[in-house]
Amino acid sequence: LCRETMMGFNGMEFIPIENVDLIQGQFDLFVSNHCLNETPLEYQEYICDRFFPVCDEVFVLQAIEGQVIGRDVSEHYRQLWGHLNRHFDIVEMKLGHKYSNEHQRLMYARKQV
């Protein structure tokens, strides 16, 4: 359903995760909605190192504490926060929207214009 919906947008291209190395270019925005902390730390690091340098802005909503898929996510949060501060000039963190849980945060980062 998500793939079918996204394919309806002009300029949208679906690339399976197996082909992530084929993605090239500069990007305006990177969005992750509870995805990064569900991956192994090594993969999260790969995604951050691969895409953050070529993105102007990043929006990430994820848990900063607690359990996701049976594992503690605090190390994922610390690693992500380090990547954001390393690759971007302006980094902010706020409570998620009114539907978020207390342990979730919205992280926003952008490069200085």
Protein backbone atom coordinates (compact mmCIF):
# COMPACT_ATOMS: atom_id res chain seq x y z
CA LEU A 1 0.00 0.00 0.00
CA CYS A 2 2.72 2.49 0.96
CA ARG A 3 4.76 1.74 -2.18
CA GLU A 4 1.68 2.12 -4.39
CA THR A 5 0.82 5.44 -2.75
CA MET A 6 4.34 6.82 -3.04
CA MET A 7 4.68 5.79 -6.68
CA GLY A 8 1.82 8.19 -7.49
CA PHE A 9 4.01 11.24 -6.80
CA ASN A 10 5.98 12.84 -9.63
CA GLY A 11 9.68 12.14 -9.34
CA MET A 12 9.17 9.37 -6.78
CA GLU A 13 11.19 6.25 -7.31
CA PHE A 14 11.00 3.12 -5.16
CA ILE A 15 14.35 1.48 -4.54
CA PRO A 16 14.49 -1.79 -2.59
CA ILE A 17 16.89 -1.84 0.33
CA GLU A 18 19.09 -4.34 -1.48
CA ASN A 19 19.86 -1.61 -4.03
CA VAL A 20 20.51 1.26 -1.60
CA ASP A 21 24.04 1.68 -2.97
CA LEU A 22 22.55 2.72 -6.32
CA ILE A 23 21.04 5.89 -4.84
CA GLN A 24 23.05 8.90 -5.96
CA GLY A 25 22.67 12.67 -5.79
CA GLN A 26 21.94 15.53 -3.46
CA PHE A 27 18.66 15.51 -1.51
CA ASP A 28 16.50 18.19 0.09
CA LEU A 29 15.03 16.08 2.87
CA PHE A 30 15.61 12.79 4.70
CA VAL A 31 12.65 11.48 6.72
CA SER A 32 12.58 8.57 9.14
CA ASN A 33 9.46 7.72 11.12
CA HIS A 34 10.43 5.08 13.70
CA CYS A 35 12.62 3.24 11.17
CA LEU A 36 16.23 3.77 12.21
CA ASN A 37 15.93 2.41 15.73
CA GLU A 38 14.44 -0.79 14.34
CA THR A 39 17.63 -1.58 12.42
CA PRO A 40 20.97 -2.89 13.71
CA LEU A 41 23.33 -0.15 14.92
CA GLU A 42 25.75 -0.89 12.09
CA TYR A 43 23.04 -0.33 9.49
CA GLN A 44 21.89 2.88 11.18
CA GLU A 45 25.47 4.11 11.05
CA TYR A 46 25.72 3.20 7.36
CA ILE A 47 22.51 5.08 6.51
CA CYS A 48 23.59 8.18 8.46
CA ASP A 49 27.09 8.24 6.96
CA ARG A 50 25.75 7.54 3.46
CA PHE A 51 22.84 9.99 3.31
CA PHE A 52 23.31 12.75 5.90
CA PRO A 53 26.24 14.33 4.01
CA VAL A 54 24.09 14.68 0.86
CA CYS A 55 20.87 15.91 2.54
CA ASP A 56 20.02 19.52 3.36
CA GLU A 57 17.54 18.68 6.14
CA VAL A 58 16.57 15.70 8.29
CA PHE A 59 13.37 14.90 10.20
CA VAL A 60 13.51 11.85 12.44
CA LEU A 61 10.77 10.70 14.80
CA GLN A 62 11.79 7.86 17.05
CA ALA A 63 11.90 6.54 20.58
CA ILE A 64 14.82 7.71 22.69
CA GLU A 65 14.33 5.20 25.49
CA GLY A 66 12.57 1.93 26.11
CA GLN A 67 12.31 -1.27 24.11
CA VAL A 68 11.76 -1.69 20.37
CA ILE A 69 11.63 -5.21 18.98
CA GLY A 70 12.90 -6.50 22.32
CA ARG A 71 16.01 -4.33 22.58
CA ASP A 72 16.95 -1.11 24.30
CA VAL A 73 16.91 1.86 21.91
CA SER A 74 18.93 4.33 24.00
CA GLU A 75 22.19 3.45 22.18
CA HIS A 76 20.45 4.00 18.83
CA TYR A 77 19.36 7.43 20.02
CA ARG A 78 22.85 8.38 21.23
CA GLN A 79 24.42 7.25 17.97
CA LEU A 80 21.82 9.09 15.87
CA TRP A 81 22.24 12.28 17.92
CA GLY A 82 26.00 12.11 17.32
CA HIS A 83 25.49 11.71 13.57
CA LEU A 84 23.10 14.65 13.44
CA ASN A 85 25.55 16.90 15.27
CA ARG A 86 28.45 15.75 13.09
CA HIS A 87 26.71 16.32 9.74
CA PHE A 88 24.47 19.34 10.39
CA ASP A 89 24.90 22.88 11.69
CA ILE A 90 21.53 23.27 13.41
CA VAL A 91 20.15 20.34 15.43
CA GLU A 92 16.99 20.48 17.52
CA MET A 93 14.96 17.94 19.44
CA LYS A 94 11.38 18.32 20.61
CA LEU A 95 8.64 16.17 22.00
CA GLY A 96 6.74 14.56 19.17
CA HIS A 97 3.32 15.77 18.10
CA LYS A 98 0.28 15.51 20.35
CA TYR A 99 -0.20 11.85 19.38
CA SER A 100 3.33 10.81 20.37
CA ASN A 101 4.27 8.93 23.49
CA GLU A 102 6.42 10.53 26.19
CA HIS A 103 9.49 8.51 25.14
CA GLN A 104 9.36 9.68 21.49
CA ARG A 105 11.18 12.69 20.08
CA LEU A 106 11.16 14.60 16.84
CA MET A 107 14.69 15.46 15.78
CA TYR A 108 15.27 18.12 13.15
CA ALA A 109 18.59 19.05 11.63
CA ARG A 110 19.68 21.27 8.76
CA LYS A 111 22.76 22.69 7.20
CA GLN A 112 23.53 26.39 7.51
CA VAL A 113 22.46 28.26 4.39
